Amino acid sequence: MIAAPDRTPLSRDFFDRPVLDVAQDLLGRTLVRATPDGPIEVRLTEVEAYDGPGDPGSHAYRGRTARNTVMFGPPGHVYVYFTYGMWHCMNFVCGPEGSASGVLLRAGEITEGVELARKRRLSARNDKELAKGPARLATALGVDRALDGADACGPEDGPFRVLTGTPAPPDQLRSGPRTGVAGEGGVHPWRFWIANDPTVSPYRAHTPRRRST
């Protein structure tokens, strides 16, 4: 008999660790998003680590700004950013306060609230695609900049909680280059995923954006 996922919430200490440890340990955990229409839950299957000022791929590489200030802590909070003028992406802040490291949530399996997620992701061809990619995941969960700074380790009635779930076995963990990251940051194998999971997004190397003439 397969044991049901553990419903114990993760503590702030879970996030107050080196970002590479947290990133791998998030795989298989359950993210709960509370909405006015009911909860949506997602089993995390793919993430990327960003290691603050020492990481050229990180939003915090050049220091603190109004956009990235949540990344500097405390750990366990949610950093939400807007990209390409159309999509939101969600991260968990990690490490000691001031380190500005975080884990981007790239993909997952919606395990509760599927109907709610379907209403937000009308273009999904099937349920495996509902949260297959960071923008799709944020859209399915109804995440936008209004939730930037939300505490995932706060009161039970908050917008987010992270449950113990069923951590991915070590032999099922895979790693590789981060998706779409250019330059020196593109070589870090800091994308982590669960092997052979159908909700994991396809890898795409960085492609320079063409300037309009």
N, C-alpha and C. Protein backbone atom coordinates (compact mmCIF):
# COMPACT_ATOMS: atom_id res chain seq x y z
N MET A 1 0.84 -1.19 0.00
CA MET A 1 0.00 0.00 0.00
C MET A 1 0.88 1.25 0.00
N ILE A 2 0.56 2.22 -0.88
CA ILE A 2 1.31 3.46 -0.95
C ILE A 2 0.79 4.42 0.10
N ALA A 3 1.68 4.95 0.91
CA ALA A 3 1.28 5.87 1.97
C ALA A 3 0.79 7.18 1.37
N ALA A 4 -0.23 7.76 2.01
CA ALA A 4 -0.74 9.06 1.57
C ALA A 4 0.30 10.14 1.84
N PRO A 5 0.33 11.19 1.04
CA PRO A 5 1.28 12.28 1.29
C PRO A 5 1.11 12.86 2.69
N ASP A 6 2.22 13.17 3.32
CA ASP A 6 2.23 13.74 4.67
C ASP A 6 1.69 15.17 4.64
N ARG A 7 0.72 15.47 5.51
CA ARG A 7 0.09 16.79 5.53
C ARG A 7 0.73 17.75 6.54
N THR A 8 1.87 17.38 7.11
CA THR A 8 2.54 18.24 8.07
C THR A 8 3.15 19.45 7.36
N PRO A 9 2.85 20.68 7.79
CA PRO A 9 3.45 21.86 7.16
C PRO A 9 4.96 21.92 7.40
N LEU A 10 5.70 22.37 6.39
CA LEU A 10 7.13 22.57 6.55
C LEU A 10 7.38 23.84 7.35
N SER A 11 8.37 23.81 8.22
CA SER A 11 8.70 24.96 9.06
C SER A 11 9.60 25.93 8.31
N ARG A 12 9.81 27.08 8.90
CA ARG A 12 10.71 28.06 8.29
C ARG A 12 12.14 27.53 8.23
N ASP A 13 12.51 26.68 9.18
CA ASP A 13 13.86 26.10 9.17
C ASP A 13 14.13 25.32 7.88
N PHE A 14 13.10 24.75 7.29
CA PHE A 14 13.27 24.02 6.03
C PHE A 14 13.86 24.94 4.96
N PHE A 15 13.39 26.19 4.92
CA PHE A 15 13.83 27.15 3.90
C PHE A 15 15.11 27.88 4.30
N ASP A 16 15.44 27.85 5.58
CA ASP A 16 16.62 28.57 6.07
C ASP A 16 17.86 27.68 5.93
N ARG A 17 18.13 27.27 4.70
CA ARG A 17 19.26 26.39 4.36
C ARG A 17 19.83 26.83 3.03
N PRO A 18 20.99 26.29 2.63
CA PRO A 18 21.53 26.62 1.31
C PRO A 18 20.53 26.32 0.21
N VAL A 19 20.47 27.19 -0.78
CA VAL A 19 19.43 27.11 -1.79
C VAL A 19 19.47 25.80 -2.59
N LEU A 20 20.65 25.26 -2.84
CA LEU A 20 20.72 24.01 -3.61
C LEU A 20 20.13 22.85 -2.81
N ASP A 21 20.26 22.88 -1.50
CA ASP A 21 19.65 21.84 -0.66
C ASP A 21 18.14 21.98 -0.66
N VAL A 22 17.66 23.20 -0.51
CA VAL A 22 16.22 23.42 -0.48
C VAL A 22 15.59 23.04 -1.82
N ALA A 23 16.22 23.43 -2.91
CA ALA A 23 15.65 23.18 -4.24
C ALA A 23 15.39 21.69 -4.45
N GLN A 24 16.38 20.87 -4.20
CA GLN A 24 16.21 19.43 -4.42
C GLN A 24 15.20 18.83 -3.46
N ASP A 25 15.18 19.37 -2.23
CA ASP A 25 14.30 18.84 -1.20
C ASP A 25 12.84 19.26 -1.40
N LEU A 26 12.59 20.24 -2.26
CA LEU A 26 11.21 20.66 -2.53
C LEU A 26 10.48 19.69 -3.46
N LEU A 27 11.22 18.89 -4.20
CA LEU A 27 10.58 17.98 -5.16
C LEU A 27 9.76 16.92 -4.43
N GLY A 28 8.51 16.82 -4.82
CA GLY A 28 7.59 15.90 -4.18
C GLY A 28 6.78 16.52 -3.06
N ARG A 29 7.12 17.74 -2.66
CA ARG A 29 6.36 18.42 -1.61
C ARG A 29 5.04 18.96 -2.17
N THR A 30 4.11 19.26 -1.27
CA THR A 30 2.79 19.73 -1.67
C THR A 30 2.65 21.22 -1.36
N LEU A 31 2.41 22.02 -2.38
CA LEU A 31 2.13 23.44 -2.22
C LEU A 31 0.62 23.63 -2.19
N VAL A 32 0.12 24.28 -1.14
CA VAL A 32 -1.30 24.56 -1.01
C VAL A 32 -1.53 26.05 -1.25
N ARG A 33 -2.39 26.37 -2.17
CA ARG A 33 -2.77 27.75 -2.46
C ARG A 33 -4.22 27.95 -2.07
N ALA A 34 -4.47 28.77 -1.07
CA ALA A 34 -5.83 29.07 -0.64
C ALA A 34 -6.39 30.20 -1.50
N THR A 35 -7.58 29.99 -2.06
CA THR A 35 -8.24 31.02 -2.87
C THR A 35 -9.66 31.19 -2.36
N PRO A 36 -10.33 32.29 -2.70
CA PRO A 36 -11.72 32.47 -2.29
C PRO A 36 -12.64 31.38 -2.82
N ASP A 37 -12.25 30.73 -3.93
CA ASP A 37 -13.08 29.69 -4.53
C ASP A 37 -12.75 28.29 -4.02
N GLY A 38 -11.74 28.20 -3.15
CA GLY A 38 -11.33 26.90 -2.62
C GLY A 38 -9.84 26.68 -2.81
N PRO A 39 -9.29 25.63 -2.18
CA PRO A 39 -7.86 25.38 -2.27
C PRO A 39 -7.45 24.71 -3.58
N ILE A 40 -6.22 25.00 -3.99
CA ILE A 40 -5.59 24.28 -5.09
C ILE A 40 -4.28 23.73 -4.55
N GLU A 41 -4.00 22.47 -4.83
CA GLU A 41 -2.76 21.86 -4.36
C GLU A 41 -1.96 21.33 -5.53
N VAL A 42 -0.65 21.47 -5.42
CA VAL A 42 0.24 21.02 -6.49
C VAL A 42 1.42 20.26 -5.90
N ARG A 43 1.70 19.11 -6.47
CA ARG A 43 2.90 18.33 -6.10
C ARG A 43 4.04 18.83 -6.96
N LEU A 44 5.06 19.39 -6.32
CA LEU A 44 6.14 20.01 -7.07
C LEU A 44 7.04 18.97 -7.73
N THR A 45 7.29 19.16 -9.03
CA THR A 45 8.07 18.18 -9.79
C THR A 45 9.31 18.78 -10.47
N GLU A 46 9.41 20.11 -10.52
CA GLU A 46 10.54 20.74 -11.20
C GLU A 46 10.79 22.12 -10.60
N VAL A 47 12.05 22.41 -10.31
CA VAL A 47 12.42 23.70 -9.71
C VAL A 47 13.77 24.15 -10.27
N GLU A 48 14.12 25.42 -10.00
CA GLU A 48 15.44 25.94 -10.33
C GLU A 48 15.95 26.77 -9.16
N ALA A 49 17.24 26.64 -8.87
CA ALA A 49 17.86 27.39 -7.78
C ALA A 49 18.58 28.62 -8.31
N TYR A 50 18.48 29.72 -7.55
CA TYR A 50 19.16 30.98 -7.88
C TYR A 50 19.85 31.47 -6.62
N ASP A 51 21.17 31.66 -6.71
CA ASP A 51 22.00 31.85 -5.52
C ASP A 51 22.44 33.28 -5.29
N GLY A 52 21.51 34.22 -5.45
CA GLY A 52 21.74 35.59 -4.99
C GLY A 52 22.85 36.34 -5.69
N PRO A 53 23.53 37.24 -4.95
CA PRO A 53 24.53 38.13 -5.55
C PRO A 53 25.71 37.41 -6.22
N GLY A 54 25.95 36.14 -5.87
CA GLY A 54 27.04 35.41 -6.49
C GLY A 54 26.65 34.66 -7.74
N ASP A 55 25.40 34.82 -8.17
CA ASP A 55 24.87 34.06 -9.29
C ASP A 55 24.46 35.01 -10.41
N PRO A 56 25.17 35.00 -11.56
CA PRO A 56 24.83 35.92 -12.66
C PRO A 56 23.41 35.73 -13.20
N GLY A 57 22.80 34.57 -12.95
CA GLY A 57 21.44 34.33 -13.43
C GLY A 57 20.37 34.83 -12.49
N SER A 58 20.76 35.31 -11.32
CA SER A 58 19.79 35.71 -10.30
C SER A 58 19.34 37.15 -10.47
N HIS A 59 18.10 37.43 -10.11
CA HIS A 59 17.60 38.81 -10.12
C HIS A 59 18.33 39.67 -9.09
N ALA A 60 18.97 39.04 -8.11
CA ALA A 60 19.67 39.79 -7.06
C ALA A 60 21.16 39.95 -7.36
N TYR A 61 21.60 39.58 -8.55
CA TYR A 61 23.03 39.62 -8.87
C TYR A 61 23.63 41.01 -8.71
N ARG A 62 22.87 42.03 -9.05
CA ARG A 62 23.39 43.40 -8.98
C ARG A 62 22.90 44.15 -7.74
N GLY A 63 22.39 43.39 -6.77
CA GLY A 63 21.98 44.01 -5.51
C GLY A 63 20.49 44.18 -5.36
N ARG A 64 20.12 44.83 -4.27
CA ARG A 64 18.72 45.01 -3.92
C ARG A 64 18.06 46.10 -4.77
N THR A 65 16.84 45.82 -5.22
CA THR A 65 16.03 46.79 -5.94
C THR A 65 14.61 46.71 -5.40
N ALA A 66 13.76 47.63 -5.85
CA ALA A 66 12.36 47.59 -5.44
C ALA A 66 11.70 46.28 -5.89
N ARG A 67 12.14 45.78 -7.05
CA ARG A 67 11.53 44.57 -7.59
C ARG A 67 11.92 43.33 -6.79
N ASN A 68 13.19 43.22 -6.38
CA ASN A 68 13.67 41.96 -5.80
C ASN A 68 13.82 41.97 -4.29
N THR A 69 13.37 43.01 -3.62
CA THR A 69 13.66 43.16 -2.19
C THR A 69 13.19 41.98 -1.35
N VAL A 70 12.11 41.31 -1.75
CA VAL A 70 11.62 40.15 -1.00
C VAL A 70 12.65 39.03 -0.98
N MET A 71 13.48 38.94 -2.02
CA MET A 71 14.48 37.88 -2.10
C MET A 71 15.48 37.92 -0.94
N PHE A 72 15.62 39.07 -0.31
CA PHE A 72 16.62 39.22 0.74
C PHE A 72 16.12 38.71 2.11
N GLY A 73 14.94 38.14 2.12
CA GLY A 73 14.45 37.47 3.31
C GLY A 73 13.38 38.24 4.04
N PRO A 74 12.86 37.55 5.06
CA PRO A 74 13.26 36.28 5.67
C PRO A 74 12.93 35.08 4.76
N PRO A 75 13.55 33.91 5.06
CA PRO A 75 13.25 32.71 4.29
C PRO A 75 11.81 32.26 4.51
N GLY A 76 11.30 31.50 3.54
CA GLY A 76 9.94 31.00 3.64
C GLY A 76 8.90 31.92 3.07
N HIS A 77 9.32 33.08 2.56
CA HIS A 77 8.39 34.00 1.91
C HIS A 77 8.38 33.75 0.40
N VAL A 78 7.38 34.30 -0.24
CA VAL A 78 7.18 34.09 -1.68
C VAL A 78 7.63 35.33 -2.45
N TYR A 79 8.48 35.11 -3.43
CA TYR A 79 8.92 36.18 -4.35
C TYR A 79 8.22 35.96 -5.68
N VAL A 80 7.43 36.94 -6.10
CA VAL A 80 6.70 36.86 -7.37
C VAL A 80 7.20 37.97 -8.29
N TYR A 81 7.55 37.61 -9.51
CA TYR A 81 7.96 38.62 -10.48
C TYR A 81 7.15 38.51 -11.76
N PHE A 82 7.12 39.59 -12.51
CA PHE A 82 6.39 39.70 -13.77
C PHE A 82 7.41 39.70 -14.89
N THR A 83 7.18 38.90 -15.92
CA THR A 83 8.18 38.75 -16.97
C THR A 83 7.55 38.82 -18.36
N TYR A 84 8.32 39.30 -19.31
CA TYR A 84 7.90 39.42 -20.71
C TYR A 84 6.60 40.22 -20.87
N GLY A 85 6.26 41.03 -19.87
CA GLY A 85 5.08 41.87 -19.96
C GLY A 85 3.77 41.12 -19.92
N MET A 86 3.80 39.84 -19.52
CA MET A 86 2.56 39.07 -19.58
C MET A 86 2.45 37.94 -18.56
N TRP A 87 3.56 37.47 -17.96
CA TRP A 87 3.49 36.28 -17.11
C TRP A 87 4.06 36.56 -15.72
N HIS A 88 3.50 35.87 -14.73
CA HIS A 88 4.06 35.89 -13.38
C HIS A 88 4.76 34.56 -13.11
N CYS A 89 5.78 34.61 -12.26
CA CYS A 89 6.49 33.42 -11.82
C CYS A 89 6.67 33.49 -10.31
N MET A 90 6.72 32.33 -9.67
CA MET A 90 6.71 32.25 -8.21
C MET A 90 7.96 31.55 -7.70
N ASN A 91 8.55 32.10 -6.64
CA ASN A 91 9.75 31.55 -6.02
C ASN A 91 9.58 31.47 -4.51
N PHE A 92 10.35 30.57 -3.88
CA PHE A 92 10.47 30.56 -2.43
C PHE A 92 11.83 31.13 -2.04
N VAL A 93 11.83 32.09 -1.12
CA VAL A 93 13.06 32.67 -0.61
C VAL A 93 13.73 31.68 0.34
N CYS A 94 15.04 31.52 0.21
CA CYS A 94 15.78 30.52 0.99
C CYS A 94 17.00 31.15 1.66
N GLY A 95 17.61 30.33 2.52
CA GLY A 95 18.88 30.72 3.13
C GLY A 95 18.71 31.76 4.21
N PRO A 96 19.81 32.14 4.85
CA PRO A 96 19.74 33.15 5.91
C PRO A 96 19.30 34.50 5.36
N GLU A 97 18.64 35.28 6.19
CA GLU A 97 18.17 36.59 5.77
C GLU A 97 19.35 37.42 5.25
N GLY A 98 19.15 38.03 4.09
CA GLY A 98 20.18 38.83 3.46
C GLY A 98 20.91 38.14 2.34
N SER A 99 20.73 36.81 2.20
CA SER A 99 21.47 36.08 1.17
C SER A 99 20.83 36.21 -0.21
N ALA A 100 19.54 36.54 -0.27
CA ALA A 100 18.81 36.77 -1.53
C ALA A 100 18.79 35.56 -2.45
N SER A 101 18.78 34.37 -1.90
CA SER A 101 18.67 33.17 -2.74
C SER A 101 17.22 32.71 -2.79
N GLY A 102 16.87 32.01 -3.86
CA GLY A 102 15.49 31.57 -4.01
C GLY A 102 15.36 30.41 -4.96
N VAL A 103 14.21 29.75 -4.89
CA VAL A 103 13.91 28.60 -5.74
C VAL A 103 12.70 28.94 -6.59
N LEU A 104 12.89 28.93 -7.91
CA LEU A 104 11.79 29.13 -8.85
C LEU A 104 11.00 27.82 -8.98
N LEU A 105 9.69 27.92 -8.84
CA LEU A 105 8.82 26.75 -9.02
C LEU A 105 8.50 26.62 -10.50
N ARG A 106 9.05 25.59 -11.13
CA ARG A 106 8.92 25.46 -12.58
C ARG A 106 7.74 24.61 -13.01
N ALA A 107 7.38 23.58 -12.25
CA ALA A 107 6.31 22.70 -12.71
C ALA A 107 5.80 21.84 -11.57
N GLY A 108 4.60 21.30 -11.78
CA GLY A 108 4.03 20.41 -10.78
C GLY A 108 2.76 19.75 -11.28
N GLU A 109 2.24 18.84 -10.48
CA GLU A 109 1.00 18.13 -10.77
C GLU A 109 -0.10 18.67 -9.86
N ILE A 110 -1.17 19.19 -10.46
CA ILE A 110 -2.30 19.65 -9.67
C ILE A 110 -3.01 18.42 -9.09
N THR A 111 -3.07 18.34 -7.77
CA THR A 111 -3.66 17.17 -7.11
C THR A 111 -4.99 17.47 -6.43
N GLU A 112 -5.29 18.74 -6.24
CA GLU A 112 -6.59 19.16 -5.70
C GLU A 112 -6.93 20.50 -6.30
N GLY A 113 -8.23 20.71 -6.52
CA GLY A 113 -8.65 21.96 -7.16
C GLY A 113 -8.42 21.96 -8.65
N VAL A 114 -8.48 20.79 -9.27
CA VAL A 114 -8.22 20.67 -10.71
C VAL A 114 -9.19 21.52 -11.51
N GLU A 115 -10.46 21.53 -11.12
CA GLU A 115 -11.45 22.31 -11.86
C GLU A 115 -11.13 23.80 -11.81
N LEU A 116 -10.68 24.28 -10.65
CA LEU A 116 -10.30 25.69 -10.53
C LEU A 116 -9.11 26.00 -11.43
N ALA A 117 -8.13 25.10 -11.44
CA ALA A 117 -6.95 25.31 -12.29
C ALA A 117 -7.33 25.29 -13.77
N ARG A 118 -8.25 24.41 -14.14
CA ARG A 118 -8.68 24.35 -15.54
C ARG A 118 -9.30 25.66 -16.00
N LYS A 119 -10.05 26.32 -15.13
CA LYS A 119 -10.69 27.58 -15.49
C LYS A 119 -9.66 28.67 -15.77
N ARG A 120 -8.51 28.58 -15.11
CA ARG A 120 -7.45 29.58 -15.32
C ARG A 120 -6.54 29.21 -16.47
N ARG A 121 -6.53 27.93 -16.84
CA ARG A 121 -5.60 27.45 -17.87
C ARG A 121 -6.40 26.82 -19.02
N LEU A 122 -7.21 27.64 -19.65
CA LEU A 122 -8.09 27.14 -20.70
C LEU A 122 -7.33 26.58 -21.89
N SER A 123 -6.09 27.01 -22.09
CA SER A 123 -5.33 26.53 -23.24
C SER A 123 -4.64 25.18 -22.99
N ALA A 124 -4.69 24.67 -21.76
CA ALA A 124 -4.04 23.39 -21.46
C ALA A 124 -4.76 22.26 -22.21
N ARG A 125 -3.99 21.43 -22.88
CA ARG A 125 -4.57 20.34 -23.66
C ARG A 125 -4.99 19.18 -22.78
N ASN A 126 -4.38 19.06 -21.60
CA ASN A 126 -4.75 18.01 -20.65
C ASN A 126 -4.29 18.45 -19.26
N ASP A 127 -4.66 17.68 -18.25
CA ASP A 127 -4.36 18.09 -16.87
C ASP A 127 -2.87 18.07 -16.56
N LYS A 128 -2.09 17.29 -17.28
CA LYS A 128 -0.64 17.28 -17.05
C LYS A 128 0.01 18.61 -17.43
N GLU A 129 -0.67 19.39 -18.27
CA GLU A 129 -0.12 20.66 -18.73
C GLU A 129 -0.58 21.85 -17.88
N LEU A 130 -1.43 21.62 -16.90
CA LEU A 130 -1.99 22.73 -16.12
C LEU A 130 -0.90 23.56 -15.45
N ALA A 131 0.14 22.91 -14.94
CA ALA A 131 1.22 23.62 -14.24
C ALA A 131 2.58 23.20 -14.78
N LYS A 132 2.66 22.98 -16.08
CA LYS A 132 3.87 22.50 -16.74
C LYS A 132 4.66 23.68 -17.27
N GLY A 133 5.43 24.31 -16.40
CA GLY A 133 6.16 25.53 -16.73
C GLY A 133 5.87 26.58 -15.66
N PRO A 134 6.82 27.47 -15.37
CA PRO A 134 6.66 28.40 -14.25
C PRO A 134 5.50 29.38 -14.40
N ALA A 135 5.28 29.91 -15.61
CA ALA A 135 4.17 30.83 -15.82
C ALA A 135 2.84 30.09 -15.75
N ARG A 136 2.80 28.89 -16.28
CA ARG A 136 1.58 28.09 -16.22
C ARG A 136 1.24 27.74 -14.78
N LEU A 137 2.25 27.38 -13.99
CA LEU A 137 2.03 27.05 -12.59
C LEU A 137 1.44 28.25 -11.85
N ALA A 138 2.05 29.42 -12.04
CA ALA A 138 1.55 30.62 -11.36
C ALA A 138 0.13 30.96 -11.81
N THR A 139 -0.14 30.82 -13.10
CA THR A 139 -1.48 31.10 -13.61
C THR A 139 -2.50 30.14 -13.02
N ALA A 140 -2.17 28.85 -12.99
CA ALA A 140 -3.09 27.85 -12.46
C ALA A 140 -3.43 28.12 -11.00
N LEU A 141 -2.45 28.66 -10.25
CA LEU A 141 -2.65 28.94 -8.83
C LEU A 141 -3.19 30.34 -8.56
N GLY A 142 -3.36 31.14 -9.60
CA GLY A 142 -3.86 32.49 -9.40
C GLY A 142 -2.86 33.37 -8.68
N VAL A 143 -1.59 33.28 -9.07
CA VAL A 143 -0.52 34.03 -8.41
C VAL A 143 -0.14 35.24 -9.24
N ASP A 144 -0.09 36.41 -8.59
CA ASP A 144 0.37 37.62 -9.25
C ASP A 144 1.18 38.45 -8.26
N ARG A 145 1.57 39.65 -8.66
CA ARG A 145 2.45 40.48 -7.83
C ARG A 145 1.81 40.88 -6.50
N ALA A 146 0.49 40.81 -6.41
CA ALA A 146 -0.16 41.12 -5.14
C ALA A 146 0.25 40.14 -4.04
N LEU A 147 0.76 38.97 -4.42
CA LEU A 147 1.18 37.96 -3.45
C LEU A 147 2.69 37.99 -3.20
N ASP A 148 3.39 38.94 -3.83
CA ASP A 148 4.83 39.09 -3.57
C ASP A 148 5.05 39.40 -2.09
N GLY A 149 5.87 38.60 -1.42
CA GLY A 149 6.14 38.79 0.00
C GLY A 149 5.26 37.98 0.92
N ALA A 150 4.28 37.23 0.38
CA ALA A 150 3.43 36.40 1.23
C ALA A 150 4.27 35.37 1.98
N ASP A 151 3.86 35.05 3.19
CA ASP A 151 4.60 34.12 4.04
C ASP A 151 4.03 32.72 3.91
N ALA A 152 4.82 31.80 3.35
CA ALA A 152 4.37 30.41 3.19
C ALA A 152 4.52 29.62 4.48
N CYS A 153 5.11 30.23 5.51
CA CYS A 153 5.27 29.57 6.80
C CYS A 153 4.49 30.30 7.90
N GLY A 154 3.53 31.10 7.49
CA GLY A 154 2.77 31.91 8.43
C GLY A 154 1.52 31.21 8.92
N PRO A 155 0.48 31.99 9.25
CA PRO A 155 -0.76 31.42 9.78
C PRO A 155 -1.40 30.44 8.80
N GLU A 156 -2.16 29.52 9.35
CA GLU A 156 -2.78 28.48 8.52
C GLU A 156 -3.77 29.05 7.53
N ASP A 157 -4.32 30.24 7.81
CA ASP A 157 -5.29 30.84 6.91
C ASP A 157 -4.64 31.76 5.88
N GLY A 158 -3.30 31.69 5.73
CA GLY A 158 -2.60 32.49 4.75
C GLY A 158 -2.81 31.95 3.34
N PRO A 159 -2.31 32.67 2.32
CA PRO A 159 -2.52 32.23 0.93
C PRO A 159 -1.71 31.01 0.52
N PHE A 160 -0.63 30.69 1.26
CA PHE A 160 0.22 29.56 0.89
C PHE A 160 0.61 28.75 2.13
N ARG A 161 0.74 27.46 1.91
CA ARG A 161 1.39 26.56 2.86
C ARG A 161 2.15 25.53 2.05
N VAL A 162 3.22 25.00 2.61
CA VAL A 162 3.96 23.92 1.96
C VAL A 162 3.94 22.72 2.91
N LEU A 163 3.42 21.61 2.43
CA LEU A 163 3.29 20.41 3.24
C LEU A 163 4.41 19.42 2.92
N THR A 164 4.68 18.54 3.87
CA THR A 164 5.75 17.55 3.71
C THR A 164 5.57 16.72 2.45
N GLY A 165 4.34 16.33 2.15
CA GLY A 165 4.07 15.57 0.93
C GLY A 165 4.77 14.23 0.91
N THR A 166 5.26 13.86 -0.28
CA THR A 166 6.03 12.63 -0.45
C THR A 166 7.34 13.00 -1.14
N PRO A 167 8.40 13.26 -0.38
CA PRO A 167 9.66 13.68 -1.00
C PRO A 167 10.13 12.70 -2.07
N ALA A 168 10.64 13.23 -3.15
CA ALA A 168 11.12 12.38 -4.24
C ALA A 168 12.31 11.55 -3.79
N PRO A 169 12.35 10.25 -4.12
CA PRO A 169 13.52 9.41 -3.78
C PRO A 169 14.77 9.95 -4.45
N PRO A 170 15.91 9.88 -3.78
CA PRO A 170 17.15 10.40 -4.37
C PRO A 170 17.47 9.84 -5.74
N ASP A 171 17.14 8.56 -5.99
CA ASP A 171 17.48 7.98 -7.28
C ASP A 171 16.57 8.47 -8.41
N GLN A 172 15.53 9.26 -8.06
CA GLN A 172 14.64 9.82 -9.07
C GLN A 172 14.94 11.28 -9.37
N LEU A 173 15.92 11.85 -8.67
CA LEU A 173 16.27 13.26 -8.88
C LEU A 173 17.20 13.41 -10.08
N ARG A 174 16.96 14.42 -10.88
CA ARG A 174 17.81 14.73 -12.02
C ARG A 174 18.17 16.22 -11.96
N SER A 175 19.28 16.58 -12.61
CA SER A 175 19.69 17.98 -12.64
C SER A 175 20.27 18.32 -14.00
N GLY A 176 20.23 19.60 -14.35
CA GLY A 176 20.79 20.05 -15.61
C GLY A 176 20.80 21.57 -15.65
N PRO A 177 21.21 22.17 -16.78
CA PRO A 177 21.26 23.63 -16.90
C PRO A 177 19.88 24.25 -16.70
N ARG A 178 19.88 25.45 -16.19
CA ARG A 178 18.62 26.17 -16.02
C ARG A 178 18.07 26.61 -17.37
N THR A 179 16.77 26.66 -17.45
CA THR A 179 16.10 26.99 -18.71
C THR A 179 16.20 28.48 -19.03
N GLY A 180 16.64 28.80 -20.23
CA GLY A 180 16.61 30.17 -20.72
C GLY A 180 17.57 31.13 -20.05
N VAL A 181 18.56 30.64 -19.29
CA VAL A 181 19.50 31.51 -18.60
C VAL A 181 20.72 31.72 -19.50
N ALA A 182 21.11 32.98 -19.68
CA ALA A 182 22.21 33.31 -20.59
C ALA A 182 23.51 33.51 -19.85
N GLY A 183 24.60 33.60 -20.61
CA GLY A 183 25.91 33.97 -20.07
C GLY A 183 26.47 32.99 -19.05
N GLU A 184 27.22 33.53 -18.10
CA GLU A 184 27.88 32.69 -17.11
C GLU A 184 26.89 31.90 -16.27
N GLY A 185 25.73 32.46 -16.01
CA GLY A 185 24.73 31.76 -15.22
C GLY A 185 24.12 30.58 -15.92
N GLY A 186 24.27 30.51 -17.25
CA GLY A 186 23.65 29.43 -18.00
C GLY A 186 24.31 28.08 -17.83
N VAL A 187 25.52 28.04 -17.28
CA VAL A 187 26.24 26.77 -17.18
C VAL A 187 25.91 26.01 -15.89
N HIS A 188 25.31 26.67 -14.92
CA HIS A 188 25.05 26.00 -13.65
C HIS A 188 23.98 24.92 -13.81
N PRO A 189 24.23 23.71 -13.36
CA PRO A 189 23.23 22.64 -13.44
C PRO A 189 22.25 22.71 -12.26
N TRP A 190 21.56 23.82 -12.15
CA TRP A 190 20.74 24.09 -10.98
C TRP A 190 19.24 23.98 -11.25
N ARG A 191 18.90 23.31 -12.31
CA ARG A 191 17.51 22.91 -12.55
C ARG A 191 17.38 21.47 -12.07
N PHE A 192 16.37 21.22 -11.25
CA PHE A 192 16.17 19.89 -10.66
C PHE A 192 14.75 19.42 -10.96
N TRP A 193 14.62 18.13 -11.26
CA TRP A 193 13.30 17.59 -11.58
C TRP A 193 13.22 16.11 -11.20
N ILE A 194 11.98 15.61 -11.18
CA ILE A 194 11.73 14.20 -10.91
C ILE A 194 11.75 13.46 -12.24
N ALA A 195 12.59 12.44 -12.33
CA ALA A 195 12.78 11.71 -13.58
C ALA A 195 11.46 11.12 -14.09
N ASN A 196 11.25 11.27 -15.39
CA ASN A 196 10.13 10.65 -16.11
C ASN A 196 8.75 11.13 -15.66
N ASP A 197 8.70 12.23 -14.95
CA ASP A 197 7.39 12.76 -14.56
C ASP A 197 6.80 13.55 -15.73
N PRO A 198 5.56 13.26 -16.12
CA PRO A 198 4.98 13.90 -17.31
C PRO A 198 4.65 15.37 -17.14
N THR A 199 4.73 15.89 -15.92
CA THR A 199 4.43 17.32 -15.74
C THR A 199 5.67 18.20 -15.85
N VAL A 200 6.85 17.61 -15.95
CA VAL A 200 8.09 18.39 -16.05
C VAL A 200 8.14 19.08 -17.40
N SER A 201 8.56 20.35 -17.41
CA SER A 201 8.58 21.12 -18.64
C SER A 201 9.81 20.78 -19.48
N PRO A 202 9.75 20.97 -20.79
CA PRO A 202 10.91 20.69 -21.64
C PRO A 202 12.00 21.73 -21.45
N TYR A 203 13.25 21.30 -21.55
CA TYR A 203 14.37 22.22 -21.42
C TYR A 203 14.51 23.06 -22.68
N ARG A 204 14.76 24.35 -22.47
CA ARG A 204 15.02 25.25 -23.59
C ARG A 204 16.23 26.12 -23.25
N ALA A 205 17.22 26.11 -24.11
CA ALA A 205 18.38 26.97 -23.91
C ALA A 205 17.99 28.42 -24.14
N HIS A 206 18.83 29.32 -23.67
CA HIS A 206 18.57 30.75 -23.86
C HIS A 206 18.62 31.12 -25.34
N THR A 207 17.64 31.89 -25.76
CA THR A 207 17.61 32.42 -27.12
C THR A 207 17.54 33.94 -27.03
N PRO A 208 18.55 34.65 -27.55
CA PRO A 208 18.52 36.12 -27.46
C PRO A 208 17.27 36.69 -28.12
N ARG A 209 16.66 37.66 -27.45
CA ARG A 209 15.49 38.31 -28.01
C ARG A 209 15.91 39.29 -29.10
N ARG A 210 15.22 39.24 -30.20
CA ARG A 210 15.54 40.12 -31.31
C ARG A 210 14.91 41.49 -31.07
N ARG A 211 15.71 42.51 -31.32
CA ARG A 211 15.19 43.88 -31.21
C ARG A 211 14.41 44.25 -32.46
N SER A 212 13.29 44.89 -32.25
CA SER A 212 12.51 45.34 -33.42
C SER A 212 13.21 46.51 -34.07
N THR A 213 13.09 46.60 -35.37
CA THR A 213 13.76 47.68 -36.11
C THR A 213 12.76 48.76 -36.48
